[in-house]
C-alpha cells in the first residue's frame, strides 16, 4: 500500500499537533540523491535541535519526473554518475513516500506503522521493552506520523521550493 506525505500528516493530526513541534531544529547538511530509472528522489539531511544531538533524516519521494534539461517545473539538480538531471518538485498529495529518521521517537512511535504500509526506508526493528517497565505502547492507535526531525526537514524543503502542496 503506497502512502503520500499528505496522508501521513493527516493521520498524525489525530494525536500530535505539528505546530507545537520544536521550531529550533535546523539542517546541518542536506544531500539530494536521485534514481532516474526508478523515478525516486531522496532528501538526506543531518538535523539538530536544542539538545545538540544530530539525527539522520530521510524523505524519499516515488514517481518523480526527471529530465536532462532544466525548465520551470524541473529545477532540482541531481548528479547521477557525473551527469546532471533535473527533477520536478514532488507533490505532497500525489507522490508516494518512504521515510526514516535515526531518532528514538521515530523508531518507537512510527517505524512499525510506516513499515506496515511500505513507507519505511530500510527494515523495522522490533521494539523490546525494558524488563520491568510499565510503559505502554507509544502509538496505541497505530497512526502514521513523523518525528520532529522529519517534520522540520519537510517544512524546510517546502520553504526552499523543493516540494509542492
Protein backbone atom coordinates (compact mmCIF):
# COMPACT_ATOMS: atom_id res chain seq x y z
CA UNK A 1 0.00 0.00 0.00
CA UNK A 2 1.52 3.31 -1.05
CA UNK A 3 1.07 6.42 1.07
CA UNK A 4 1.56 10.12 0.39
CA UNK A 5 3.05 12.66 2.77
CA UNK A 6 -0.31 14.41 2.90
CA UNK A 7 -1.82 11.12 4.15
CA UNK A 8 0.83 10.74 6.85
CA UNK A 9 0.30 14.34 8.04
CA UNK A 10 -3.47 13.80 8.13
CA UNK A 11 -3.14 10.61 10.18
CA UNK A 12 -0.64 12.26 12.54
CA UNK A 13 -3.02 15.16 13.19
CA UNK A 14 -5.21 12.85 15.29
CA UNK A 15 -2.63 12.65 18.09
CA UNK A 16 0.12 15.23 17.53
CA UNK A 17 -0.15 18.94 16.81
CA UNK A 18 2.60 19.60 14.29
CA UNK A 19 2.54 23.33 15.05
CA UNK A 20 3.87 22.55 18.55
CA UNK A 21 6.93 20.64 17.35
CA UNK A 22 10.32 22.13 18.18
CA UNK A 23 10.92 25.08 15.82
CA UNK A 24 14.64 25.26 16.64
CA UNK A 25 15.57 22.14 14.67
CA UNK A 26 17.89 23.03 11.84
CA UNK A 27 19.52 21.33 8.89
CA UNK A 28 23.26 20.81 9.38
CA UNK A 29 23.70 19.21 5.96
CA UNK A 30 21.41 18.31 3.08
CA UNK A 31 22.10 15.98 0.17
CA UNK A 32 19.74 15.38 -2.73
CA UNK A 33 20.01 12.00 -4.47
CA UNK A 34 18.01 10.70 -7.38
CA UNK A 35 17.49 7.41 -9.13
CA UNK A 36 16.26 8.42 -12.55
CA UNK A 37 15.44 4.91 -13.78
CA UNK A 38 13.11 4.14 -10.86
CA UNK A 39 11.92 7.76 -10.51
CA UNK A 40 12.94 8.26 -6.87
CA UNK A 41 14.19 11.47 -5.26
CA UNK A 42 15.75 11.32 -1.78
CA UNK A 43 16.44 14.20 0.57
CA UNK A 44 19.01 13.11 3.15
CA UNK A 45 19.67 15.53 6.00
CA UNK A 46 21.52 15.75 9.25
CA UNK A 47 19.14 17.52 11.65
CA UNK A 48 19.94 19.10 15.02
CA UNK A 49 17.80 20.64 17.74
CA UNK A 50 18.32 22.17 21.17
CA UNK A 51 19.90 19.00 22.57
CA UNK A 52 22.80 19.39 20.09
CA UNK A 53 22.35 15.71 19.15
CA UNK A 54 22.14 15.23 15.40
CA UNK A 55 19.96 12.71 13.60
CA UNK A 56 20.00 11.38 10.05
CA UNK A 57 16.64 12.01 8.41
CA UNK A 58 15.46 10.79 5.01
CA UNK A 59 12.42 11.61 2.90
CA UNK A 60 12.14 9.63 -0.34
CA UNK A 61 9.58 10.53 -2.99
CA UNK A 62 8.47 7.99 -5.60
CA UNK A 63 7.14 8.62 -9.13
CA UNK A 64 9.25 11.77 -9.55
CA UNK A 65 9.69 13.10 -13.07
CA UNK A 66 13.29 13.70 -14.23
CA UNK A 67 14.65 15.21 -17.43
CA UNK A 68 18.01 16.27 -18.82
CA UNK A 69 17.10 19.92 -19.38
CA UNK A 70 16.22 22.44 -16.69
CA UNK A 71 12.91 24.28 -17.09
CA UNK A 72 10.22 25.95 -14.94
CA UNK A 73 8.98 22.66 -13.47
CA UNK A 74 12.21 20.62 -13.45
CA UNK A 75 14.66 22.66 -11.42
CA UNK A 76 16.07 20.37 -8.71
CA UNK A 77 19.57 19.36 -9.89
CA UNK A 78 20.58 15.76 -9.23
CA UNK A 79 24.01 14.39 -10.11
CA UNK A 80 23.80 10.79 -11.35
CA UNK A 81 27.24 9.34 -12.05
CA UNK A 82 28.60 12.68 -13.23
CA UNK A 83 25.58 13.56 -15.36
CA UNK A 84 23.12 16.20 -14.13
CA UNK A 85 19.39 15.57 -14.35
CA UNK A 86 16.64 17.89 -13.17
CA UNK A 87 13.75 16.66 -11.04
CA UNK A 88 10.30 18.13 -10.79
CA UNK A 89 9.34 19.16 -7.26
CA UNK A 90 7.38 16.30 -5.65
CA UNK A 91 3.74 16.95 -4.72
CA UNK A 92 2.61 16.17 -1.15
CA UNK A 93 -0.75 14.93 -2.45
CA UNK A 94 0.44 12.82 -5.38
CA UNK A 95 3.93 11.40 -4.89
CA UNK A 96 4.16 8.43 -2.57
CA UNK A 97 6.87 8.49 0.07
CA UNK A 98 9.19 6.45 2.27
CA UNK A 99 10.71 7.89 5.47
CA UNK A 100 13.41 7.24 8.05
CA UNK A 101 14.97 9.05 10.99
CA UNK A 102 17.59 7.81 13.42
CA UNK A 103 15.83 9.28 16.48
CA UNK A 104 14.13 7.09 19.11
CA UNK A 105 10.76 8.82 18.71
CA UNK A 106 10.59 7.84 15.05
CA UNK A 107 11.76 4.29 15.71
CA UNK A 108 9.40 3.56 18.60
CA UNK A 109 6.36 5.63 17.57
CA UNK A 110 6.15 5.48 13.77
CA UNK A 111 8.53 2.94 12.19
CA UNK A 112 6.26 -0.12 12.62
CA UNK A 113 3.22 1.64 11.19
CA UNK A 114 5.20 3.03 8.24
CA UNK A 115 6.75 -0.39 7.65
CA UNK A 116 3.29 -1.99 7.55
CA UNK A 117 2.22 0.30 4.67
CA UNK A 118 5.53 0.13 2.78
CA UNK A 119 6.59 3.68 3.67
CA UNK A 120 9.67 2.94 5.78
CA UNK A 121 13.17 3.15 4.33
CA UNK A 122 15.04 0.07 5.49
CA UNK A 123 13.92 -2.59 7.92
CA UNK A 124 11.79 -2.25 11.01
CA UNK A 125 13.47 -3.31 14.25
CA UNK A 126 11.07 -4.76 16.78
CA UNK A 127 10.72 -2.73 19.95
CA UNK A 128 11.74 -4.69 23.01
CA UNK A 129 10.52 -3.08 26.25
CA UNK A 130 12.90 -2.72 29.16
CA UNK A 131 12.27 -5.60 31.62
CA UNK A 132 10.10 -4.37 34.49
CA UNK A 133 8.98 -1.28 32.60
CA UNK A 134 5.31 -0.42 32.90
CA UNK A 135 5.38 1.88 29.89
CA UNK A 136 2.61 1.11 27.46
CA UNK A 137 2.59 1.46 23.69
CA UNK A 138 3.56 4.90 22.40
CA UNK A 139 1.22 4.76 19.39
CA UNK A 140 -1.68 2.54 20.53
CA UNK A 141 -3.96 3.54 17.63
CA UNK A 142 -1.22 2.68 15.11
CA UNK A 143 -1.37 6.04 13.35
CA UNK A 144 1.14 7.05 10.71
CA UNK A 145 3.25 10.07 11.56
CA UNK A 146 6.52 11.97 11.54
CA UNK A 147 9.04 12.80 14.22
CA UNK A 148 10.02 16.44 14.70
CA UNK A 149 13.16 15.94 12.57
CA UNK A 150 11.20 14.63 9.56
CA UNK A 151 8.63 17.38 10.01
CA UNK A 152 11.32 20.07 10.19
CA UNK A 153 13.01 18.70 7.08
CA UNK A 154 9.64 18.72 5.32
CA UNK A 155 8.90 22.34 6.24
CA UNK A 156 12.39 23.40 5.17
CA UNK A 157 12.02 21.61 1.82
CA UNK A 158 8.70 23.41 1.28
CA UNK A 159 10.35 26.76 2.09
CA UNK A 160 13.15 26.00 -0.41
CA UNK A 161 10.54 25.11 -3.09
CA UNK A 162 11.84 21.54 -3.31
CA UNK A 163 8.31 20.16 -2.75
CA UNK A 164 4.85 21.45 -3.59
CA UNK A 165 1.47 21.17 -1.91
